[in-house]
Structure formats: C-alpha cells, structure tokens
Amino acid sequence: MAGGCGGRAISKKSARSAIIGSPAAVLEKNDVEVLSITSAGADEAIAETRLNAAFRLVRKDGDWVVREIRLGKGQWERIDDVVRAVEQIKMEQTRELLAKVAAAIDAYRQKSGRLPDFKDYVSLTDSLHPQFMTPLIREDAWAHPLAAVRQSPSTILLISAGPDGKPGTPDDITLTRTY
C-alpha cells in the first residue's frame, strides 16, 4: 500500500476501483489486477497492474503484426491511430514547455533589462530556475534534452529534437523569440 497525507493510503481495491471508473469506462472488475501500489508523493501513487487487452493481428509480408488493440470491453482502435494520437499530444506538450521557457526568459529580461547569458540549454535554465521558471524544464515530452541557441543578441531559438530524438531532422519542434 502507498502512504499518503495524514497516514491515509490507497489500497489495491481502491486503486482498481479508480482505474475501472476512469472516464473511458471500458474496463470491468475482472479486467484489472493490481499487482502493487507505490507512493509517488503525498497525493500520488503508482499502481502496477495487469490489464485485460486484446490485440488483432494481421499477416503482412509473411510476418504477423499488430493492427488493432482493445482494452477490456472497449472498441477496437488502430495501433497507428493510437500512436499518432500520442505523438500529437506529446508535440503539444513540448510546444507548451517551450512556451513556458520563453515566458521565463521574458520575465528574466523584464527584471534584469537583458537576456540571460548562456552557453547551452542547461546554463540557460540554471539562470531561470527557480526564480523565473518552476518547475525546472530540461526535457521535452519524449524525455529528450532540450537545446537553446542565441541566434542574435536579441533572438533565442529553443529546440526539441522531436519524436525521433535526433536534432536537425524535419520533426524538430522549435520556438524562436526576439526580445
């Protein structure tokens, strides 16, 4: 069991009920087995589970590949659609992270009258955290390190290597701000 604020803990039964009652409502009691609960702070816990899922496979060029997935009694979802949806969400999250860093740079500039001096992204964020940026943002939504380049005395380029994690490829996500 995970400990919580005031000594309260979440039980395996409570965790399973919360998972079953999630907004998707595709899982039933027998679809979820909670293996363990780990505290992740006063108000968070991680439930390691075994879920009932079905995979629809097709033969493609002689190999079996997964085409669709279904959780519990939910509908079949194309794996390609699920992956594409997750990538879209991560791209949005990364754009939001870059915007937060840009806002912190702007706050720094407004207070000090100049842009922060930096040689790389880590030194930039060291200048911003914790006064102008909390929490510290160092990675994109794929857990890849972010980068920053001063393009001119008044322009900073913030860079995520995007889904492939390789800088300088077409899927990079960038934000350029001139201050």
Foldseek 3Di string as FASTA:
>chain_A
DEAAPPRDDADQVNVLVCVCPPPVNQADSVQKDFPDWYDPYRPDIDTDIHGDKDFDWDQDPNDIDTQWMDTHRGDTDGPVVVVVVVLVVLLVQQVVLVVLLVQLQVVVCVVPVAGDDDDKDVRNQVVRPPPRDPPRDQAGSVRAGKIWDAPDRFKIKIKQCGDVSDPPDPRIDIDMDGD
